[in-house]
Amino acid sequence: NLAITAHHSSPVRTQLLDELEGGLGLKKSSVSKAFVEGSRQILEEMNSRDLGAYDFCTIMVDGVELGERVVITALGITLEGKKLILGTREGDTENWEVVRDLFQNLIDRGLKTDSPYLFTIDGAKALRKGIRKVFGEICPIQRCVRHKERNIVSYLGDQHHAEFHIRWKKIHGYTHYDAAVAEYKMLEHWLGQINYEALKSLQ
């Protein structure tokens, strides 16, 4: 992760190179070359790993902006709860063609398609479209809880943040569906009295 971050993010990379140059007594150009080579090896290994031996239940997909580029990353969670980065794709924007190519690469490397996965994404339409193009309608798609939480909070005034977080945490802490739905309805009513856009975002 350090190598990838240093390779793509110039302010972070510069700071790291300065620290390593002083601490190791190496030329900055040598350290930089090592970072680039290390990043390349890590990415190649990540994007060529055989996935046929794993049984995944969930695949999380997100795009991260690095300068003027976007890196789409897929992370799988196995039936045993192990997390594994499945692969990445880089593009100018977070578009569905890049997402589709990433998924097709995962399948070519052995990702099983005989049972549905739970996909977790942010609100990007490109990610949803890419999933539907490759896996069809059989796979459920869940909006990432953290992304949704931040989206709702963005509509609320500071004085309501603490109360919202308490109510939000309670909903996701229930182990019984009916109790969670009842708590959700109360949150829905509360938001309806405060901010219409926050309510619509929740719904």
C-alpha atoms as a PDB file:
ATOM      1  CA  ASN A   1       0.000   0.000   0.000  1.00  0.00           C
ATOM      2  CA  LEU A   2       2.849   2.373   0.815  1.00  0.00           C
ATOM      3  CA  ALA A   3       4.453   1.734  -2.540  1.00  0.00           C
ATOM      4  CA  ILE A   4       1.224   2.245  -4.466  1.00  0.00           C
ATOM      5  CA  THR A   5       0.404   5.442  -2.559  1.00  0.00           C
ATOM      6  CA  ALA A   6       3.872   6.868  -3.084  1.00  0.00           C
ATOM      7  CA  HIS A   7       3.788   5.995  -6.768  1.00  0.00           C
ATOM      8  CA  HIS A   8       0.477   7.723  -7.507  1.00  0.00           C
ATOM      9  CA  SER A   9       0.244  10.640  -5.079  1.00  0.00           C
ATOM     10  CA  SER A  10       2.947  13.221  -5.725  1.00  0.00           C
ATOM     11  CA  PRO A  11       2.724  15.207  -2.409  1.00  0.00           C
ATOM     12  CA  VAL A  12       2.826  12.009  -0.365  1.00  0.00           C
ATOM     13  CA  ARG A  13       5.503  10.565  -2.618  1.00  0.00           C
ATOM     14  CA  THR A  14       7.715  13.652  -2.248  1.00  0.00           C
ATOM     15  CA  GLN A  15       7.416  13.603   1.538  1.00  0.00           C
ATOM     16  CA  LEU A  16       8.205   9.892   1.736  1.00  0.00           C
ATOM     17  CA  LEU A  17      11.175  10.245  -0.603  1.00  0.00           C
ATOM     18  CA  ASP A  18      12.581  13.085   1.499  1.00  0.00           C
ATOM     19  CA  GLU A  19      12.277  11.010   4.684  1.00  0.00           C
ATOM     20  CA  LEU A  20      13.780   7.890   3.162  1.00  0.00           C
ATOM     21  CA  GLU A  21      16.585   9.796   1.484  1.00  0.00           C
ATOM     22  CA  GLY A  22      17.653  11.279   4.817  1.00  0.00           C
ATOM     23  CA  GLY A  23      17.095   8.142   6.877  1.00  0.00           C
ATOM     24  CA  LEU A  24      18.720   5.619   4.550  1.00  0.00           C
ATOM     25  CA  GLY A  25      21.423   7.731   2.947  1.00  0.00           C
ATOM     26  CA  LEU A  26      20.183   6.862  -0.536  1.00  0.00           C
ATOM     27  CA  LYS A  27      19.687   9.141  -3.503  1.00  0.00           C
ATOM     28  CA  LYS A  28      16.112  10.252  -4.008  1.00  0.00           C
ATOM     29  CA  SER A  29      16.164   8.946  -7.588  1.00  0.00           C
ATOM     30  CA  SER A  30      17.113   5.473  -6.344  1.00  0.00           C
ATOM     31  CA  VAL A  31      14.348   5.456  -3.754  1.00  0.00           C
ATOM     32  CA  SER A  32      11.841   6.691  -6.331  1.00  0.00           C
ATOM     33  CA  LYS A  33      12.832   3.962  -8.790  1.00  0.00           C
ATOM     34  CA  ALA A  34      12.406   1.330  -6.052  1.00  0.00           C
ATOM     35  CA  PHE A  35       8.937   2.646  -5.246  1.00  0.00           C
ATOM     36  CA  VAL A  36       7.855   2.551  -8.873  1.00  0.00           C
ATOM     37  CA  GLU A  37       9.199  -0.971  -9.366  1.00  0.00           C
ATOM     38  CA  GLY A  38       7.621  -2.141  -6.116  1.00  0.00           C
ATOM     39  CA  SER A  39       4.277  -0.654  -7.116  1.00  0.00           C
ATOM     40  CA  ARG A  40       4.407  -2.351 -10.503  1.00  0.00           C
ATOM     41  CA  GLN A  41       5.169  -5.761  -9.001  1.00  0.00           C
ATOM     42  CA  ILE A  42       2.401  -5.455  -6.415  1.00  0.00           C
ATOM     43  CA  LEU A  43      -0.160  -4.441  -9.048  1.00  0.00           C
ATOM     44  CA  GLU A  44       0.881  -7.205 -11.435  1.00  0.00           C
ATOM     45  CA  GLU A  45       0.599  -9.838  -8.708  1.00  0.00           C
ATOM     46  CA  MET A  46      -2.756  -8.456  -7.600  1.00  0.00           C
ATOM     47  CA  ASN A  47      -4.207  -8.396 -11.113  1.00  0.00           C
ATOM     48  CA  SER A  48      -2.991 -11.875 -12.069  1.00  0.00           C
ATOM     49  CA  ARG A  49      -3.830 -13.898  -8.913  1.00  0.00           C
ATOM     50  CA  ASP A  50      -5.796 -17.113  -9.549  1.00  0.00           C
ATOM     51  CA  LEU A  51      -9.256 -16.669  -8.000  1.00  0.00           C
ATOM     52  CA  GLY A  52     -10.575 -20.159  -8.687  1.00  0.00           C
ATOM     53  CA  ALA A  53      -9.660 -21.493  -5.261  1.00  0.00           C
ATOM     54  CA  TYR A  54     -11.757 -18.925  -3.366  1.00  0.00           C
ATOM     55  CA  ASP A  55     -15.443 -18.909  -2.483  1.00  0.00           C
ATOM     56  CA  PHE A  56     -16.644 -15.321  -2.178  1.00  0.00           C
ATOM     57  CA  CYS A  57     -19.980 -14.164  -0.808  1.00  0.00           C
ATOM     58  CA  THR A  58     -19.519 -10.403  -1.142  1.00  0.00           C
ATOM     59  CA  ILE A  59     -17.694  -8.147  -3.583  1.00  0.00           C
ATOM     60  CA  MET A  60     -17.108  -4.499  -2.691  1.00  0.00           C
ATOM     61  CA  VAL A  61     -16.331  -2.098  -5.546  1.00  0.00           C
ATOM     62  CA  ASP A  62     -15.232   1.518  -5.324  1.00  0.00           C
ATOM     63  CA  GLY A  63     -13.437   4.156  -7.359  1.00  0.00           C
ATOM     64  CA  VAL A  64     -10.613   6.239  -5.900  1.00  0.00           C
ATOM     65  CA  GLU A  65      -9.484   9.474  -7.542  1.00  0.00           C
ATOM     66  CA  LEU A  66      -5.714   9.811  -7.866  1.00  0.00           C
ATOM     67  CA  GLY A  67      -4.945  13.114  -9.518  1.00  0.00           C
ATOM     68  CA  GLU A  68      -6.797  13.173 -12.845  1.00  0.00           C
ATOM     69  CA  ARG A  69      -7.205   9.386 -12.934  1.00  0.00           C
ATOM     70  CA  VAL A  70      -9.669   7.027 -11.255  1.00  0.00           C
ATOM     71  CA  VAL A  71      -8.696   3.577  -9.990  1.00  0.00           C
ATOM     72  CA  ILE A  72     -11.584   1.104  -9.691  1.00  0.00           C
ATOM     73  CA  THR A  73     -10.856  -1.560  -7.079  1.00  0.00           C
ATOM     74  CA  ALA A  74     -12.759  -4.760  -6.294  1.00  0.00           C
ATOM     75  CA  LEU A  75     -12.392  -6.401  -2.883  1.00  0.00           C
ATOM     76  CA  GLY A  76     -13.838  -9.833  -2.176  1.00  0.00           C
ATOM     77  CA  ILE A  77     -14.948 -11.289   1.163  1.00  0.00           C
ATOM     78  CA  THR A  78     -14.828 -15.081   1.402  1.00  0.00           C
ATOM     79  CA  LEU A  79     -17.308 -17.323   3.204  1.00  0.00           C
ATOM     80  CA  GLU A  80     -14.786 -17.477   6.058  1.00  0.00           C
ATOM     81  CA  GLY A  81     -14.660 -13.668   6.307  1.00  0.00           C
ATOM     82  CA  LYS A  82     -11.245 -13.197   4.685  1.00  0.00           C
ATOM     83  CA  LYS A  83     -10.782 -10.008   2.640  1.00  0.00           C
ATOM     84  CA  LEU A  84      -8.855 -10.161  -0.617  1.00  0.00           C
ATOM     85  CA  ILE A  85      -8.193  -7.455  -3.204  1.00  0.00           C
ATOM     86  CA  LEU A  86      -9.374  -9.032  -6.450  1.00  0.00           C
ATOM     87  CA  GLY A  87      -8.083  -6.510  -8.952  1.00  0.00           C
ATOM     88  CA  THR A  88      -7.920  -2.924 -10.156  1.00  0.00           C
ATOM     89  CA  ARG A  89      -8.526  -0.962 -13.328  1.00  0.00           C
ATOM     90  CA  GLU A  90      -7.429   2.594 -14.087  1.00  0.00           C
ATOM     91  CA  GLY A  91      -9.339   5.045 -16.254  1.00  0.00           C
ATOM     92  CA  ASP A  92     -10.018   8.723 -16.896  1.00  0.00           C
ATOM     93  CA  THR A  93     -13.401   8.478 -15.192  1.00  0.00           C
ATOM     94  CA  GLU A  94     -15.500   5.998 -13.216  1.00  0.00           C
ATOM     95  CA  ASN A  95     -17.325   4.602 -16.262  1.00  0.00           C
ATOM     96  CA  TRP A  96     -19.151   1.305 -16.655  1.00  0.00           C
ATOM     97  CA  GLU A  97     -16.883   0.042 -19.457  1.00  0.00           C
ATOM     98  CA  VAL A  98     -13.887   0.122 -17.106  1.00  0.00           C
ATOM     99  CA  VAL A  99     -15.952  -1.660 -14.448  1.00  0.00           C
ATOM    100  CA  ARG A 100     -17.072  -4.279 -16.972  1.00  0.00           C
ATOM    101  CA  ASP A 101     -13.491  -4.913 -18.072  1.00  0.00           C
ATOM    102  CA  LEU A 102     -12.426  -5.340 -14.440  1.00  0.00           C
ATOM    103  CA  PHE A 103     -15.169  -7.901 -13.792  1.00  0.00           C
ATOM    104  CA  GLN A 104     -14.420  -9.802 -16.997  1.00  0.00           C
ATOM    105  CA  ASN A 105     -10.774 -10.022 -15.951  1.00  0.00           C
ATOM    106  CA  LEU A 106     -11.827 -11.457 -12.577  1.00  0.00           C
ATOM    107  CA  ILE A 107     -13.939 -14.097 -14.319  1.00  0.00           C
ATOM    108  CA  ASP A 108     -11.116 -14.958 -16.711  1.00  0.00           C
ATOM    109  CA  ARG A 109      -8.910 -15.505 -13.640  1.00  0.00           C
ATOM    110  CA  GLY A 110     -11.340 -17.979 -12.089  1.00  0.00           C
ATOM    111  CA  LEU A 111     -13.986 -15.956 -10.236  1.00  0.00           C
ATOM    112  CA  LYS A 112     -16.933 -18.336  -9.932  1.00  0.00           C
ATOM    113  CA  THR A 113     -20.216 -17.253 -11.496  1.00  0.00           C
ATOM    114  CA  ASP A 114     -22.442 -20.221 -10.578  1.00  0.00           C
ATOM    115  CA  SER A 115     -23.937 -18.447  -7.554  1.00  0.00           C
ATOM    116  CA  PRO A 116     -24.873 -14.794  -6.883  1.00  0.00           C
ATOM    117  CA  TYR A 117     -22.721 -12.343  -4.949  1.00  0.00           C
ATOM    118  CA  LEU A 118     -23.803  -9.461  -2.756  1.00  0.00           C
ATOM    119  CA  PHE A 119     -22.243  -6.378  -4.332  1.00  0.00           C
ATOM    120  CA  THR A 120     -21.591  -3.349  -2.130  1.00  0.00           C
ATOM    121  CA  ILE A 121     -21.008  -0.028  -3.894  1.00  0.00           C
ATOM    122  CA  ASP A 122     -21.339   3.715  -3.386  1.00  0.00           C
ATOM    123  CA  GLY A 123     -23.982   5.637  -5.310  1.00  0.00           C
ATOM    124  CA  ALA A 124     -22.100   5.604  -8.646  1.00  0.00           C
ATOM    125  CA  LYS A 125     -24.395   4.586 -11.493  1.00  0.00           C
ATOM    126  CA  ALA A 126     -21.407   3.345 -13.502  1.00  0.00           C
ATOM    127  CA  LEU A 127     -20.655   0.648 -10.913  1.00  0.00           C
ATOM    128  CA  ARG A 128     -24.261  -0.542 -10.850  1.00  0.00           C
ATOM    129  CA  LYS A 129     -24.448  -0.624 -14.647  1.00  0.00           C
ATOM    130  CA  GLY A 130     -21.169  -2.554 -14.889  1.00  0.00           C
ATOM    131  CA  ILE A 131     -22.437  -5.162 -12.413  1.00  0.00           C
ATOM    132  CA  ARG A 132     -25.705  -5.600 -14.305  1.00  0.00           C
ATOM    133  CA  LYS A 133     -23.928  -5.872 -17.676  1.00  0.00           C
ATOM    134  CA  VAL A 134     -21.688  -8.714 -16.483  1.00  0.00           C
ATOM    135  CA  PHE A 135     -23.660 -10.516 -13.767  1.00  0.00           C
ATOM    136  CA  GLY A 136     -27.236  -9.689 -14.779  1.00  0.00           C
ATOM    137  CA  GLU A 137     -30.115  -9.146 -12.364  1.00  0.00           C
ATOM    138  CA  ILE A 138     -29.417 -12.173 -10.163  1.00  0.00           C
ATOM    139  CA  CYS A 139     -26.920 -10.415  -7.872  1.00  0.00           C
ATOM    140  CA  PRO A 140     -28.258  -8.096  -5.157  1.00  0.00           C
ATOM    141  CA  ILE A 141     -26.607  -4.677  -4.898  1.00  0.00           C
ATOM    142  CA  GLN A 142     -26.341  -2.876  -1.574  1.00  0.00           C
ATOM    143  CA  ARG A 143     -25.466   0.776  -1.130  1.00  0.00           C
ATOM    144  CA  CYS A 144     -22.432   1.093   1.147  1.00  0.00           C
ATOM    145  CA  VAL A 145     -23.633   2.049   4.632  1.00  0.00           C
ATOM    146  CA  ARG A 146     -20.790   4.525   5.201  1.00  0.00           C
ATOM    147  CA  HIS A 147     -21.295   6.284   1.863  1.00  0.00           C
ATOM    148  CA  LYS A 148     -25.026   6.586   2.533  1.00  0.00           C
ATOM    149  CA  GLU A 149     -24.434   7.824   6.080  1.00  0.00           C
ATOM    150  CA  ARG A 150     -22.126  10.593   4.847  1.00  0.00           C
ATOM    151  CA  ASN A 151     -24.593  11.496   2.096  1.00  0.00           C
ATOM    152  CA  ILE A 152     -27.483  11.978   4.548  1.00  0.00           C
ATOM    153  CA  VAL A 153     -25.353  13.930   7.033  1.00  0.00           C
ATOM    154  CA  SER A 154     -24.337  16.352   4.269  1.00  0.00           C
ATOM    155  CA  TYR A 155     -27.937  17.640   4.220  1.00  0.00           C
ATOM    156  CA  LEU A 156     -28.165  18.167   7.979  1.00  0.00           C
ATOM    157  CA  GLY A 157     -27.067  21.062  10.122  1.00  0.00           C
ATOM    158  CA  ASP A 158     -24.302  20.490  12.651  1.00  0.00           C
ATOM    159  CA  GLN A 159     -26.805  20.513  15.514  1.00  0.00           C
ATOM    160  CA  HIS A 160     -28.449  17.342  14.153  1.00  0.00           C
ATOM    161  CA  HIS A 161     -25.339  15.263  13.412  1.00  0.00           C
ATOM    162  CA  ALA A 162     -24.968  13.621  16.825  1.00  0.00           C
ATOM    163  CA  GLU A 163     -28.654  12.638  17.014  1.00  0.00           C
ATOM    164  CA  PHE A 164     -28.569  11.205  13.504  1.00  0.00           C
ATOM    165  CA  HIS A 165     -25.470   9.099  14.201  1.00  0.00           C
ATOM    166  CA  ILE A 166     -27.103   7.657  17.340  1.00  0.00           C
ATOM    167  CA  ARG A 167     -30.264   6.699  15.439  1.00  0.00           C
ATOM    168  CA  TRP A 168     -28.263   5.333  12.480  1.00  0.00           C
ATOM    169  CA  LYS A 169     -26.115   3.174  14.750  1.00  0.00           C
ATOM    170  CA  LYS A 170     -29.186   1.780  16.518  1.00  0.00           C
ATOM    171  CA  ILE A 171     -30.734   0.638  13.223  1.00  0.00           C
ATOM    172  CA  HIS A 172     -27.621  -1.279  12.216  1.00  0.00           C
ATOM    173  CA  GLY A 173     -27.175  -2.750  15.662  1.00  0.00           C
ATOM    174  CA  TYR A 174     -30.404  -4.756  15.648  1.00  0.00           C
ATOM    175  CA  THR A 175     -30.276  -8.474  14.912  1.00  0.00           C
ATOM    176  CA  HIS A 176     -34.031  -8.765  14.269  1.00  0.00           C
ATOM    177  CA  TYR A 177     -35.440  -7.349  11.054  1.00  0.00           C
ATOM    178  CA  ASP A 178     -38.751  -6.085  12.497  1.00  0.00           C
ATOM    179  CA  ALA A 179     -36.954  -4.112  15.213  1.00  0.00           C
ATOM    180  CA  ALA A 180     -34.640  -2.532  12.637  1.00  0.00           C
ATOM    181  CA  VAL A 181     -37.592  -1.571  10.428  1.00  0.00           C
ATOM    182  CA  ALA A 182     -39.383   0.035  13.386  1.00  0.00           C
ATOM    183  CA  GLU A 183     -36.262   2.066  14.194  1.00  0.00           C
ATOM    184  CA  TYR A 184     -35.939   3.021  10.533  1.00  0.00           C
ATOM    185  CA  LYS A 185     -39.516   4.322  10.490  1.00  0.00           C
ATOM    186  CA  MET A 186     -38.762   6.522  13.489  1.00  0.00           C
ATOM    187  CA  LEU A 187     -35.644   7.870  11.757  1.00  0.00           C
ATOM    188  CA  GLU A 188     -37.705   8.494   8.643  1.00  0.00           C
ATOM    189  CA  HIS A 189     -40.270  10.481  10.640  1.00  0.00           C
ATOM    190  CA  TRP A 190     -37.553  12.469  12.433  1.00  0.00           C
ATOM    191  CA  LEU A 191     -35.771  13.414   9.210  1.00  0.00           C
ATOM    192  CA  GLY A 192     -39.092  14.360   7.626  1.00  0.00           C
ATOM    193  CA  GLN A 193     -39.516  17.051  10.276  1.00  0.00           C
ATOM    194  CA  ILE A 194     -35.983  18.406   9.764  1.00  0.00           C
ATOM    195  CA  ASN A 195     -34.845  18.179   6.147  1.00  0.00           C
ATOM    196  CA  TYR A 196     -36.717  16.890   3.109  1.00  0.00           C
ATOM    197  CA  GLU A 197     -33.586  16.169   1.068  1.00  0.00           C
ATOM    198  CA  ALA A 198     -32.087  14.120   3.910  1.00  0.00           C
ATOM    199  CA  LEU A 199     -35.333  12.137   4.059  1.00  0.00           C
ATOM    200  CA  LYS A 200     -35.298  11.448   0.321  1.00  0.00           C
ATOM    201  CA  SER A 201     -31.654  10.382   0.527  1.00  0.00           C
ATOM    202  CA  LEU A 202     -32.542   7.917   3.294  1.00  0.00           C
ATOM    203  CA  GLN A 203     -35.459   6.499   1.339  1.00  0.00           C
END
